[in-house]
N, C-alpha and C. Protein backbone atom coordinates (compact mmCIF):
# COMPACT_ATOMS: atom_id res chain seq x y z
N SER A 1 39.85 -73.98 125.38
CA SER A 1 40.82 -75.02 125.66
C SER A 1 40.39 -75.81 126.89
N ASP A 2 40.67 -77.15 126.87
CA ASP A 2 40.35 -78.00 128.00
C ASP A 2 41.47 -78.05 129.03
N GLY A 3 42.59 -77.34 128.74
CA GLY A 3 43.70 -77.31 129.69
C GLY A 3 44.57 -78.54 129.54
N PHE A 4 45.49 -78.73 130.53
CA PHE A 4 46.39 -79.87 130.47
C PHE A 4 46.81 -80.26 131.87
N MET A 5 47.37 -81.45 131.99
CA MET A 5 47.85 -81.95 133.28
C MET A 5 49.35 -82.12 133.21
N VAL A 6 50.05 -81.71 134.28
CA VAL A 6 51.49 -81.86 134.34
C VAL A 6 51.85 -82.67 135.57
N LEU A 7 52.62 -83.74 135.38
CA LEU A 7 53.15 -84.51 136.48
C LEU A 7 54.67 -84.34 136.48
N GLY A 8 55.23 -83.86 137.59
CA GLY A 8 56.67 -83.64 137.64
C GLY A 8 57.03 -82.22 137.29
N ARG A 9 58.10 -82.03 136.52
CA ARG A 9 58.63 -80.71 136.23
C ARG A 9 58.16 -80.22 134.85
N LEU A 10 58.09 -78.89 134.75
CA LEU A 10 57.71 -78.26 133.48
C LEU A 10 58.77 -77.22 133.15
N PRO A 11 59.89 -77.61 132.50
CA PRO A 11 60.93 -76.65 132.14
C PRO A 11 60.48 -75.80 130.97
N ALA A 12 60.78 -74.50 131.03
CA ALA A 12 60.39 -73.62 129.94
C ALA A 12 61.16 -72.32 130.04
N ARG A 13 61.24 -71.60 128.91
CA ARG A 13 61.82 -70.26 128.87
C ARG A 13 60.73 -69.32 128.37
N ALA A 14 59.77 -69.08 129.22
CA ALA A 14 58.63 -68.27 128.82
C ALA A 14 57.84 -67.92 130.06
N VAL A 15 56.79 -67.12 129.88
CA VAL A 15 55.86 -66.84 130.96
C VAL A 15 54.87 -67.99 131.06
N ILE A 16 54.74 -68.56 132.26
CA ILE A 16 53.84 -69.68 132.48
C ILE A 16 52.76 -69.26 133.45
N ARG A 17 51.52 -69.44 133.09
CA ARG A 17 50.39 -69.14 133.96
C ARG A 17 49.64 -70.43 134.26
N LEU A 18 49.48 -70.73 135.54
CA LEU A 18 48.83 -71.97 135.96
C LEU A 18 47.62 -71.65 136.82
N VAL A 19 46.55 -72.39 136.61
CA VAL A 19 45.38 -72.32 137.49
C VAL A 19 45.37 -73.59 138.32
N LEU A 20 45.49 -73.43 139.65
CA LEU A 20 45.67 -74.57 140.53
C LEU A 20 44.51 -74.73 141.49
N SER A 21 44.30 -75.96 141.91
CA SER A 21 43.35 -76.22 142.98
C SER A 21 43.89 -75.64 144.28
N PRO A 22 43.02 -75.10 145.15
CA PRO A 22 43.49 -74.56 146.42
C PRO A 22 44.06 -75.61 147.37
N PHE A 23 43.94 -76.89 147.03
CA PHE A 23 44.40 -77.96 147.92
C PHE A 23 45.71 -78.60 147.44
N VAL A 24 46.30 -78.10 146.36
CA VAL A 24 47.60 -78.60 145.94
C VAL A 24 48.69 -77.89 146.73
N ASN A 25 49.91 -78.42 146.67
CA ASN A 25 51.06 -77.81 147.32
C ASN A 25 51.99 -77.25 146.25
N PRO A 26 51.86 -75.97 145.90
CA PRO A 26 52.70 -75.41 144.84
C PRO A 26 54.17 -75.39 145.23
N GLU A 27 55.02 -75.89 144.34
CA GLU A 27 56.47 -75.81 144.49
C GLU A 27 57.03 -75.25 143.19
N LEU A 28 57.35 -73.96 143.19
CA LEU A 28 57.72 -73.26 141.98
C LEU A 28 59.17 -72.81 142.06
N THR A 29 59.93 -73.09 141.00
CA THR A 29 61.35 -72.74 140.95
C THR A 29 61.66 -72.11 139.61
N THR A 30 62.43 -71.00 139.65
CA THR A 30 62.87 -70.37 138.41
C THR A 30 64.31 -69.90 138.57
N SER A 31 65.11 -70.08 137.54
CA SER A 31 66.49 -69.63 137.61
C SER A 31 66.60 -68.13 137.32
N SER A 32 65.72 -67.60 136.49
CA SER A 32 65.71 -66.17 136.20
C SER A 32 64.30 -65.76 135.78
N GLY A 33 63.61 -65.10 136.71
CA GLY A 33 62.24 -64.68 136.41
C GLY A 33 61.43 -64.51 137.67
N ASP A 34 60.36 -63.75 137.56
CA ASP A 34 59.51 -63.48 138.70
C ASP A 34 58.54 -64.64 138.95
N ILE A 35 58.12 -64.76 140.22
CA ILE A 35 57.07 -65.71 140.60
C ILE A 35 55.96 -64.92 141.29
N SER A 36 54.74 -65.05 140.78
CA SER A 36 53.60 -64.35 141.35
C SER A 36 52.47 -65.35 141.58
N ILE A 37 51.98 -65.43 142.83
CA ILE A 37 50.87 -66.33 143.17
C ILE A 37 49.74 -65.50 143.74
N ARG A 38 48.54 -65.75 143.24
CA ARG A 38 47.34 -65.07 143.73
C ARG A 38 46.28 -66.12 144.01
N GLY A 39 45.76 -66.10 145.24
CA GLY A 39 44.73 -67.06 145.59
C GLY A 39 44.78 -67.43 147.05
N ASP A 40 43.90 -68.38 147.42
CA ASP A 40 43.77 -68.82 148.79
C ASP A 40 44.08 -70.31 148.85
N PHE A 41 45.12 -70.66 149.60
CA PHE A 41 45.53 -72.06 149.77
C PHE A 41 45.45 -72.38 151.26
N PRO A 42 44.26 -72.72 151.77
CA PRO A 42 44.02 -72.75 153.22
C PRO A 42 44.77 -73.82 153.98
N SER A 43 45.17 -74.89 153.34
CA SER A 43 45.86 -75.97 154.05
C SER A 43 47.18 -76.33 153.39
N THR A 44 47.77 -75.37 152.70
CA THR A 44 48.90 -75.65 151.83
C THR A 44 50.17 -74.95 152.31
N LYS A 45 51.30 -75.65 152.15
CA LYS A 45 52.62 -75.04 152.31
C LYS A 45 53.15 -74.73 150.92
N ILE A 46 53.44 -73.45 150.68
CA ILE A 46 53.92 -73.01 149.38
C ILE A 46 55.44 -72.91 149.41
N LEU A 47 56.09 -73.53 148.40
CA LEU A 47 57.54 -73.50 148.28
C LEU A 47 57.90 -72.70 147.03
N LEU A 48 58.71 -71.65 147.20
CA LEU A 48 59.07 -70.77 146.10
C LEU A 48 60.59 -70.59 146.07
N ARG A 49 61.19 -70.79 144.89
CA ARG A 49 62.64 -70.68 144.73
C ARG A 49 62.94 -69.86 143.48
N THR A 50 63.86 -68.90 143.60
CA THR A 50 64.30 -68.17 142.42
C THR A 50 65.74 -67.71 142.61
N ALA A 51 66.53 -67.81 141.54
CA ALA A 51 67.90 -67.31 141.58
C ALA A 51 67.91 -65.80 141.37
N THR A 52 67.14 -65.33 140.40
CA THR A 52 67.05 -63.90 140.12
C THR A 52 65.61 -63.58 139.73
N GLY A 53 64.93 -62.82 140.58
CA GLY A 53 63.56 -62.45 140.26
C GLY A 53 62.78 -62.09 141.51
N GLN A 54 61.66 -61.42 141.30
CA GLN A 54 60.78 -61.03 142.39
C GLN A 54 59.85 -62.18 142.75
N VAL A 55 59.49 -62.26 144.04
CA VAL A 55 58.53 -63.26 144.51
C VAL A 55 57.36 -62.54 145.16
N GLU A 56 56.13 -62.88 144.75
CA GLU A 56 54.95 -62.20 145.25
C GLU A 56 53.87 -63.23 145.58
N LEU A 57 53.24 -63.05 146.75
CA LEU A 57 52.06 -63.82 147.11
C LEU A 57 50.97 -62.86 147.55
N VAL A 58 49.83 -62.91 146.88
CA VAL A 58 48.68 -62.10 147.24
C VAL A 58 47.54 -63.05 147.53
N GLY A 59 47.05 -63.05 148.77
CA GLY A 59 45.98 -63.97 149.14
C GLY A 59 46.23 -64.58 150.49
N ALA A 60 46.36 -65.92 150.52
CA ALA A 60 46.55 -66.60 151.80
C ALA A 60 47.09 -68.00 151.55
N ALA A 61 47.75 -68.53 152.60
CA ALA A 61 48.24 -69.90 152.59
C ALA A 61 48.46 -70.32 154.03
N ALA A 62 48.64 -71.62 154.24
CA ALA A 62 48.92 -72.09 155.59
C ALA A 62 50.36 -71.77 155.99
N GLU A 63 51.32 -72.09 155.10
CA GLU A 63 52.72 -71.84 155.35
C GLU A 63 53.39 -71.42 154.05
N ALA A 64 54.57 -70.78 154.18
CA ALA A 64 55.33 -70.41 153.00
C ALA A 64 56.82 -70.55 153.30
N ASP A 65 57.54 -71.08 152.31
CA ASP A 65 58.99 -71.23 152.38
C ASP A 65 59.55 -70.61 151.11
N VAL A 66 60.34 -69.53 151.27
CA VAL A 66 60.82 -68.76 150.13
C VAL A 66 62.34 -68.66 150.19
N ARG A 67 63.00 -68.95 149.07
CA ARG A 67 64.46 -68.79 148.96
C ARG A 67 64.74 -68.00 147.69
N SER A 68 65.49 -66.91 147.84
CA SER A 68 65.81 -66.06 146.69
C SER A 68 67.26 -65.61 146.78
N ALA A 69 67.99 -65.79 145.67
CA ALA A 69 69.37 -65.30 145.64
C ALA A 69 69.42 -63.80 145.39
N SER A 70 68.53 -63.31 144.55
CA SER A 70 68.51 -61.89 144.24
C SER A 70 67.09 -61.49 143.80
N GLY A 71 66.45 -60.66 144.61
CA GLY A 71 65.10 -60.22 144.28
C GLY A 71 64.27 -59.99 145.51
N ASP A 72 63.31 -59.09 145.41
CA ASP A 72 62.44 -58.78 146.54
C ASP A 72 61.40 -59.87 146.75
N VAL A 73 61.00 -60.03 148.01
CA VAL A 73 59.93 -60.94 148.39
C VAL A 73 58.82 -60.10 149.01
N ASP A 74 57.60 -60.22 148.48
CA ASP A 74 56.49 -59.39 148.94
C ASP A 74 55.25 -60.25 149.14
N PHE A 75 54.75 -60.27 150.39
CA PHE A 75 53.54 -61.01 150.72
C PHE A 75 52.47 -60.03 151.18
N ASP A 76 51.29 -60.11 150.57
CA ASP A 76 50.15 -59.28 150.94
C ASP A 76 48.99 -60.23 151.22
N LEU A 77 48.71 -60.47 152.51
CA LEU A 77 47.83 -61.56 152.90
C LEU A 77 46.50 -61.07 153.46
N VAL A 78 45.48 -61.92 153.29
CA VAL A 78 44.16 -61.62 153.87
C VAL A 78 44.01 -62.24 155.25
N ARG A 79 44.89 -63.18 155.61
CA ARG A 79 44.92 -63.73 156.96
C ARG A 79 46.34 -64.22 157.24
N PRO A 80 46.70 -64.36 158.51
CA PRO A 80 48.09 -64.69 158.85
C PRO A 80 48.50 -66.09 158.40
N LEU A 81 49.76 -66.22 158.05
CA LEU A 81 50.36 -67.53 157.86
C LEU A 81 50.59 -68.20 159.20
N GLU A 82 50.56 -69.53 159.21
CA GLU A 82 50.98 -70.24 160.40
C GLU A 82 52.49 -70.12 160.58
N ARG A 83 53.22 -70.20 159.46
CA ARG A 83 54.68 -70.10 159.53
C ARG A 83 55.22 -69.54 158.22
N LEU A 84 56.23 -68.67 158.34
CA LEU A 84 56.94 -68.14 157.18
C LEU A 84 58.44 -68.34 157.38
N PHE A 85 59.07 -68.95 156.39
CA PHE A 85 60.53 -68.99 156.33
C PHE A 85 60.94 -68.28 155.05
N ALA A 86 61.83 -67.28 155.16
CA ALA A 86 62.29 -66.54 153.99
C ALA A 86 63.78 -66.32 154.08
N ARG A 87 64.49 -66.63 153.00
CA ARG A 87 65.93 -66.41 152.93
C ARG A 87 66.27 -65.71 151.63
N SER A 88 67.05 -64.62 151.72
CA SER A 88 67.41 -63.86 150.53
C SER A 88 68.84 -63.37 150.66
N ALA A 89 69.62 -63.56 149.60
CA ALA A 89 70.98 -63.03 149.60
C ALA A 89 70.97 -61.53 149.32
N SER A 90 70.06 -61.08 148.47
CA SER A 90 69.98 -59.66 148.14
C SER A 90 68.54 -59.32 147.74
N GLY A 91 67.89 -58.50 148.56
CA GLY A 91 66.52 -58.10 148.25
C GLY A 91 65.73 -57.85 149.52
N ASP A 92 64.72 -56.99 149.41
CA ASP A 92 63.86 -56.68 150.54
C ASP A 92 62.86 -57.82 150.78
N ILE A 93 62.48 -58.00 152.04
CA ILE A 93 61.45 -58.97 152.42
C ILE A 93 60.34 -58.22 153.14
N THR A 94 59.13 -58.26 152.57
CA THR A 94 58.01 -57.50 153.11
C THR A 94 56.82 -58.43 153.33
N LEU A 95 56.20 -58.31 154.51
CA LEU A 95 55.02 -59.11 154.85
C LEU A 95 53.95 -58.19 155.41
N ARG A 96 52.77 -58.21 154.78
CA ARG A 96 51.59 -57.53 155.30
C ARG A 96 50.49 -58.57 155.47
N GLY A 97 49.88 -58.58 156.63
CA GLY A 97 48.85 -59.58 156.88
C GLY A 97 49.22 -60.57 157.95
N GLY A 98 50.50 -60.61 158.32
CA GLY A 98 50.89 -61.33 159.52
C GLY A 98 51.26 -62.78 159.37
N ALA A 99 51.85 -63.29 160.46
CA ALA A 99 52.21 -64.70 160.60
C ALA A 99 52.36 -65.01 162.08
N ARG A 100 52.14 -66.28 162.42
CA ARG A 100 52.24 -66.69 163.82
C ARG A 100 53.64 -67.13 164.20
N GLU A 101 54.46 -67.43 163.20
CA GLU A 101 55.86 -67.78 163.45
C GLU A 101 56.66 -67.40 162.21
N VAL A 102 57.80 -66.72 162.41
CA VAL A 102 58.57 -66.22 161.27
C VAL A 102 60.06 -66.44 161.51
N GLN A 103 60.74 -66.87 160.45
CA GLN A 103 62.19 -66.91 160.44
C GLN A 103 62.66 -66.29 159.14
N VAL A 104 63.53 -65.26 159.25
CA VAL A 104 64.02 -64.55 158.07
C VAL A 104 65.54 -64.42 158.17
N ASP A 105 66.22 -64.76 157.07
CA ASP A 105 67.66 -64.56 156.95
C ASP A 105 67.92 -63.78 155.66
N THR A 106 68.67 -62.69 155.77
CA THR A 106 68.99 -61.91 154.59
C THR A 106 70.38 -61.33 154.71
N SER A 107 71.11 -61.34 153.61
CA SER A 107 72.46 -60.76 153.61
C SER A 107 72.42 -59.27 153.32
N SER A 108 71.56 -58.85 152.40
CA SER A 108 71.48 -57.44 152.05
C SER A 108 70.05 -57.10 151.63
N GLY A 109 69.39 -56.27 152.43
CA GLY A 109 68.02 -55.89 152.11
C GLY A 109 67.25 -55.57 153.36
N ASP A 110 66.22 -54.76 153.21
CA ASP A 110 65.37 -54.40 154.34
C ASP A 110 64.36 -55.50 154.63
N VAL A 111 64.00 -55.62 155.91
CA VAL A 111 62.98 -56.57 156.35
C VAL A 111 61.87 -55.77 157.02
N ARG A 112 60.65 -55.89 156.49
CA ARG A 112 59.49 -55.21 157.10
C ARG A 112 58.36 -56.23 157.24
N LEU A 113 58.01 -56.56 158.48
CA LEU A 113 56.98 -57.55 158.76
C LEU A 113 55.90 -56.90 159.62
N GLU A 114 54.65 -56.94 159.15
CA GLU A 114 53.54 -56.28 159.83
C GLU A 114 52.49 -57.30 160.26
N ASN A 115 51.70 -56.91 161.27
CA ASN A 115 50.56 -57.71 161.76
C ASN A 115 50.99 -59.08 162.31
N LEU A 116 52.14 -59.11 162.94
CA LEU A 116 52.66 -60.36 163.51
C LEU A 116 51.86 -60.77 164.74
N SER A 117 51.90 -62.08 165.06
CA SER A 117 51.15 -62.56 166.22
C SER A 117 51.88 -63.68 166.95
N GLY A 118 53.22 -63.69 166.84
CA GLY A 118 53.97 -64.74 167.51
C GLY A 118 55.46 -64.53 167.43
N SER A 119 56.21 -65.62 167.58
CA SER A 119 57.66 -65.57 167.66
C SER A 119 58.28 -65.22 166.31
N VAL A 120 59.42 -64.50 166.38
CA VAL A 120 60.12 -64.05 165.17
C VAL A 120 61.62 -64.17 165.40
N ARG A 121 62.33 -64.67 164.38
CA ARG A 121 63.78 -64.62 164.37
C ARG A 121 64.23 -64.00 163.07
N VAL A 122 65.05 -62.95 163.16
CA VAL A 122 65.57 -62.26 161.97
C VAL A 122 67.08 -62.12 162.11
N GLU A 123 67.80 -62.51 161.07
CA GLU A 123 69.24 -62.25 160.98
C GLU A 123 69.50 -61.50 159.69
N SER A 124 70.18 -60.35 159.80
CA SER A 124 70.42 -59.50 158.64
C SER A 124 71.83 -58.95 158.70
N SER A 125 72.54 -59.00 157.58
CA SER A 125 73.88 -58.43 157.53
C SER A 125 73.85 -56.94 157.25
N ASN A 126 72.95 -56.52 156.38
CA ASN A 126 72.92 -55.11 155.99
C ASN A 126 71.51 -54.72 155.56
N GLY A 127 70.85 -53.89 156.37
CA GLY A 127 69.50 -53.44 156.02
C GLY A 127 68.69 -53.14 157.25
N LYS A 128 67.65 -52.35 157.08
CA LYS A 128 66.75 -52.01 158.18
C LYS A 128 65.84 -53.20 158.50
N VAL A 129 65.47 -53.32 159.78
CA VAL A 129 64.53 -54.33 160.23
C VAL A 129 63.39 -53.63 160.96
N ILE A 130 62.18 -53.78 160.46
CA ILE A 130 60.99 -53.15 161.06
C ILE A 130 59.95 -54.24 161.30
N LEU A 131 59.60 -54.45 162.57
CA LEU A 131 58.67 -55.51 162.95
C LEU A 131 57.52 -54.90 163.74
N GLN A 132 56.28 -55.30 163.41
CA GLN A 132 55.10 -54.77 164.10
C GLN A 132 54.16 -55.92 164.43
N TRP A 133 53.74 -55.96 165.71
CA TRP A 133 52.86 -57.02 166.19
C TRP A 133 51.46 -56.51 166.46
N ASP A 134 50.47 -57.31 166.11
CA ASP A 134 49.10 -57.09 166.57
C ASP A 134 48.91 -57.69 167.96
N ARG A 135 49.58 -58.82 168.22
CA ARG A 135 49.57 -59.44 169.55
C ARG A 135 50.83 -60.28 169.71
N LEU A 136 51.25 -60.39 170.97
CA LEU A 136 52.45 -61.17 171.29
C LEU A 136 52.32 -61.62 172.73
N ASP A 137 52.08 -62.93 172.94
CA ASP A 137 51.85 -63.39 174.31
C ASP A 137 53.17 -63.62 175.04
N ALA A 138 53.06 -63.97 176.33
CA ALA A 138 54.23 -64.06 177.19
C ALA A 138 55.18 -65.18 176.78
N LYS A 139 54.71 -66.17 176.02
CA LYS A 139 55.55 -67.28 175.60
C LYS A 139 56.31 -66.96 174.31
N GLY A 140 56.02 -65.82 173.71
CA GLY A 140 56.67 -65.46 172.46
C GLY A 140 58.15 -65.17 172.63
N GLU A 141 58.91 -65.44 171.57
CA GLU A 141 60.35 -65.17 171.57
C GLU A 141 60.71 -64.38 170.31
N VAL A 142 61.42 -63.28 170.52
CA VAL A 142 61.83 -62.42 169.41
C VAL A 142 63.34 -62.28 169.46
N ARG A 143 64.00 -62.74 168.41
CA ARG A 143 65.46 -62.64 168.32
C ARG A 143 65.82 -61.95 167.02
N VAL A 144 66.52 -60.83 167.14
CA VAL A 144 66.94 -60.05 165.97
C VAL A 144 68.42 -59.78 166.08
N LYS A 145 69.15 -60.06 165.02
CA LYS A 145 70.59 -59.81 164.99
C LYS A 145 70.95 -59.20 163.65
N THR A 146 71.58 -58.02 163.67
CA THR A 146 71.95 -57.36 162.43
C THR A 146 73.33 -56.76 162.56
N SER A 147 74.09 -56.80 161.46
CA SER A 147 75.43 -56.22 161.47
C SER A 147 75.39 -54.72 161.22
N SER A 148 74.53 -54.29 160.31
CA SER A 148 74.44 -52.87 159.99
C SER A 148 73.02 -52.53 159.58
N GLY A 149 72.37 -51.66 160.37
CA GLY A 149 71.01 -51.26 160.03
C GLY A 149 70.18 -50.99 161.26
N ARG A 150 69.23 -50.09 161.11
CA ARG A 150 68.33 -49.73 162.19
C ARG A 150 67.33 -50.86 162.46
N VAL A 151 67.06 -51.11 163.73
CA VAL A 151 66.07 -52.11 164.14
C VAL A 151 64.94 -51.39 164.86
N SER A 152 63.71 -51.54 164.38
CA SER A 152 62.54 -50.92 164.99
C SER A 152 61.51 -51.99 165.30
N LEU A 153 61.09 -52.06 166.56
CA LEU A 153 60.07 -53.01 166.99
C LEU A 153 58.87 -52.24 167.50
N VAL A 154 57.68 -52.56 166.98
CA VAL A 154 56.43 -51.94 167.43
C VAL A 154 55.59 -53.04 168.08
N LEU A 155 55.47 -52.96 169.41
CA LEU A 155 54.83 -54.01 170.20
C LEU A 155 53.40 -53.63 170.56
N PRO A 156 52.56 -54.63 170.88
CA PRO A 156 51.21 -54.31 171.38
C PRO A 156 51.30 -53.51 172.69
N GLU A 157 50.35 -52.62 172.86
CA GLU A 157 50.32 -51.79 174.06
C GLU A 157 50.30 -52.66 175.32
N GLY A 158 51.11 -52.29 176.29
CA GLY A 158 51.13 -53.00 177.56
C GLY A 158 52.10 -54.16 177.63
N THR A 159 52.81 -54.45 176.55
CA THR A 159 53.79 -55.55 176.56
C THR A 159 54.93 -55.22 177.52
N THR A 160 55.23 -56.14 178.44
CA THR A 160 56.37 -55.98 179.35
C THR A 160 57.33 -57.12 179.09
N ALA A 161 58.35 -56.86 178.30
CA ALA A 161 59.24 -57.91 177.82
C ALA A 161 60.43 -58.11 178.76
N ARG A 162 60.99 -59.31 178.68
CA ARG A 162 62.26 -59.61 179.32
C ARG A 162 63.31 -59.80 178.23
N GLY A 163 64.58 -59.84 178.63
CA GLY A 163 65.64 -60.02 177.65
C GLY A 163 66.57 -58.84 177.62
N PHE A 164 67.10 -58.50 176.42
CA PHE A 164 68.06 -57.40 176.33
C PHE A 164 68.01 -56.75 174.95
N LEU A 165 68.48 -55.50 174.91
CA LEU A 165 68.71 -54.74 173.68
C LEU A 165 70.18 -54.33 173.71
N ARG A 166 70.94 -54.64 172.66
CA ARG A 166 72.38 -54.39 172.71
C ARG A 166 72.87 -53.85 171.37
N THR A 167 73.72 -52.83 171.42
CA THR A 167 74.34 -52.29 170.21
C THR A 167 75.80 -51.99 170.46
N THR A 168 76.67 -52.34 169.52
CA THR A 168 78.10 -52.07 169.66
C THR A 168 78.42 -50.63 169.31
N ASP A 169 77.83 -50.13 168.24
CA ASP A 169 78.09 -48.76 167.79
C ASP A 169 76.78 -48.16 167.29
N GLY A 170 75.94 -47.72 168.23
CA GLY A 170 74.65 -47.17 167.86
C GLY A 170 73.93 -46.67 169.11
N THR A 171 72.67 -46.33 168.96
CA THR A 171 71.88 -45.83 170.07
C THR A 171 70.72 -46.77 170.35
N ILE A 172 70.18 -46.68 171.56
CA ILE A 172 69.02 -47.48 171.97
C ILE A 172 67.96 -46.56 172.52
N ARG A 173 66.73 -46.69 171.99
CA ARG A 173 65.58 -45.99 172.55
C ARG A 173 64.51 -47.02 172.83
N SER A 174 64.04 -47.08 174.06
CA SER A 174 63.04 -48.08 174.43
C SER A 174 62.01 -47.48 175.36
N ASP A 175 60.74 -47.77 175.10
CA ASP A 175 59.66 -47.38 175.98
C ASP A 175 59.35 -48.46 177.01
N LEU A 176 60.07 -49.58 176.98
CA LEU A 176 59.85 -50.69 177.90
C LEU A 176 60.68 -50.50 179.17
N PRO A 177 60.18 -50.99 180.32
CA PRO A 177 60.97 -50.92 181.55
C PRO A 177 62.28 -51.68 181.39
N GLY A 178 63.40 -51.03 181.81
CA GLY A 178 64.69 -51.67 181.69
C GLY A 178 65.78 -50.90 182.40
N VAL A 179 66.95 -51.52 182.48
CA VAL A 179 68.11 -50.93 183.15
C VAL A 179 69.28 -50.93 182.18
N VAL A 180 69.96 -49.78 182.09
CA VAL A 180 71.13 -49.66 181.21
C VAL A 180 72.37 -50.13 181.96
N ASN A 181 73.21 -50.92 181.31
CA ASN A 181 74.43 -51.41 181.96
C ASN A 181 75.47 -50.30 182.06
N GLN A 182 76.56 -50.58 182.77
CA GLN A 182 77.57 -49.57 183.03
C GLN A 182 78.24 -49.09 181.75
N ALA A 183 78.43 -49.99 180.80
CA ALA A 183 79.08 -49.62 179.54
C ALA A 183 78.18 -48.78 178.65
N GLY A 184 76.90 -48.81 178.92
CA GLY A 184 75.96 -48.01 178.14
C GLY A 184 75.58 -48.60 176.80
N ASP A 185 75.93 -49.88 176.56
CA ASP A 185 75.63 -50.49 175.27
C ASP A 185 74.52 -51.53 175.32
N THR A 186 73.94 -51.75 176.52
CA THR A 186 72.93 -52.79 176.68
C THR A 186 71.83 -52.31 177.63
N VAL A 187 70.59 -52.58 177.24
CA VAL A 187 69.45 -52.37 178.12
C VAL A 187 68.92 -53.74 178.52
N GLU A 188 68.95 -54.02 179.82
CA GLU A 188 68.38 -55.26 180.34
C GLU A 188 66.90 -55.01 180.65
N LEU A 189 66.02 -55.68 179.93
CA LEU A 189 64.59 -55.47 180.09
C LEU A 189 64.09 -56.13 181.38
N GLN A 190 63.16 -55.46 182.06
CA GLN A 190 62.76 -55.86 183.40
C GLN A 190 61.34 -56.44 183.47
N GLY A 191 60.75 -56.78 182.34
CA GLY A 191 59.40 -57.31 182.34
C GLY A 191 59.35 -58.81 182.55
N ASP A 192 58.13 -59.35 182.54
CA ASP A 192 57.93 -60.80 182.70
C ASP A 192 57.14 -61.38 181.53
N GLY A 193 57.15 -60.66 180.41
CA GLY A 193 56.40 -61.11 179.25
C GLY A 193 57.28 -61.81 178.23
N PRO A 194 57.06 -61.58 176.95
CA PRO A 194 57.81 -62.27 175.90
C PRO A 194 59.29 -61.94 175.97
N LEU A 195 60.09 -62.83 175.39
CA LEU A 195 61.54 -62.66 175.37
C LEU A 195 61.96 -61.84 174.16
N LEU A 196 62.73 -60.77 174.40
CA LEU A 196 63.32 -59.97 173.33
C LEU A 196 64.83 -60.05 173.45
N GLU A 197 65.51 -60.46 172.38
CA GLU A 197 66.96 -60.43 172.32
C GLU A 197 67.33 -59.75 171.01
N VAL A 198 67.76 -58.49 171.11
CA VAL A 198 68.02 -57.68 169.93
C VAL A 198 69.46 -57.20 169.97
N GLU A 199 70.22 -57.49 168.91
CA GLU A 199 71.62 -57.10 168.83
C GLU A 199 71.88 -56.41 167.49
N SER A 200 72.58 -55.27 167.55
CA SER A 200 72.97 -54.56 166.34
C SER A 200 74.42 -54.11 166.48
N ALA A 201 75.26 -54.52 165.54
CA ALA A 201 76.66 -54.11 165.59
C ALA A 201 76.80 -52.62 165.28
N SER A 202 76.03 -52.14 164.30
CA SER A 202 76.10 -50.74 163.92
C SER A 202 74.72 -50.28 163.46
N GLY A 203 74.03 -49.56 164.33
CA GLY A 203 72.70 -49.09 163.99
C GLY A 203 71.86 -48.89 165.23
N ALA A 204 70.86 -48.03 165.12
CA ALA A 204 69.99 -47.74 166.24
C ALA A 204 69.00 -48.88 166.49
N ILE A 205 68.61 -49.01 167.75
CA ILE A 205 67.55 -49.93 168.15
C ILE A 205 66.44 -49.10 168.78
N VAL A 206 65.22 -49.24 168.26
CA VAL A 206 64.08 -48.47 168.74
C VAL A 206 62.95 -49.44 169.04
N VAL A 207 62.42 -49.39 170.28
CA VAL A 207 61.35 -50.29 170.70
C VAL A 207 60.25 -49.45 171.33
N GLY A 208 59.01 -49.64 170.88
CA GLY A 208 57.90 -48.89 171.44
C GLY A 208 56.58 -49.61 171.25
N TYR A 209 55.50 -48.91 171.63
CA TYR A 209 54.16 -49.50 171.57
C TYR A 209 53.40 -49.00 170.35
N GLY A 210 52.52 -49.88 169.83
CA GLY A 210 51.79 -49.55 168.61
C GLY A 210 50.76 -48.46 168.78
N VAL A 211 50.15 -48.33 169.97
CA VAL A 211 49.09 -47.34 170.17
C VAL A 211 49.66 -45.98 170.51
N THR A 212 50.64 -45.95 171.43
CA THR A 212 51.15 -44.67 171.92
C THR A 212 52.38 -44.19 171.18
N TRP A 213 52.94 -45.04 170.36
CA TRP A 213 54.20 -44.74 169.69
C TRP A 213 54.03 -44.89 168.19
N PRO A 214 54.32 -43.88 167.40
CA PRO A 214 54.06 -43.98 165.95
C PRO A 214 54.93 -45.03 165.30
N GLN A 215 54.35 -45.73 164.32
CA GLN A 215 55.11 -46.73 163.60
C GLN A 215 56.19 -46.04 162.80
N PRO A 216 57.41 -46.67 162.74
CA PRO A 216 58.52 -46.04 162.06
C PRO A 216 58.33 -45.99 160.56
N THR A 217 58.81 -44.95 159.95
CA THR A 217 58.78 -44.81 158.49
C THR A 217 60.19 -45.05 157.96
N PRO A 218 60.35 -45.97 157.00
CA PRO A 218 61.69 -46.25 156.49
C PRO A 218 62.33 -45.00 155.91
N THR A 219 63.62 -44.82 156.18
CA THR A 219 64.36 -43.70 155.62
C THR A 219 65.06 -44.15 154.36
N PRO A 220 65.21 -43.23 153.39
CA PRO A 220 65.86 -43.64 152.14
C PRO A 220 67.29 -44.11 152.37
């Protein structure tokens, strides 16, 4: 077959397989079904939308914007994204291979982001949040807010962060220099490095170093 060219939208109720140039900007939307992308898009922003279905990217891209009403999002990368935006009403969000800037919003589901190298913002209503950095400079900003769920941060060795760790009904364990307030619900960090602002209404907050502190294993 010589293939075909599509301009605009391609509505269908079937499995669609496309072979794309690495220089196009894929924008894929499905109301019910999985989206799987494999390849290297070095200068491309990938847009993925699904109402119900899994979203998968294996390879690399410059940026990614993912919106899912129900379904897991899984990225397995050979090099970091410049930026990742991911929003899910229900489903886990997993990133391996890193990103230099991340924003994640989820109502219900675990968030696990590995090999990070910059600022991160995560808001979660219900689910564990596990973040691991390969590097994080002093200008980096990390903001995590969750209503219910354990928050675990694994920082590069030697990171001295400023900011706070706060929980309404939970525990705080931190290997970073800090001072506990009188109420016992907040640790004020005493470093001069990246900004950490971590809040959990109900759930433990654990912060440590990647070399001296073992990475957390998700609990069932």
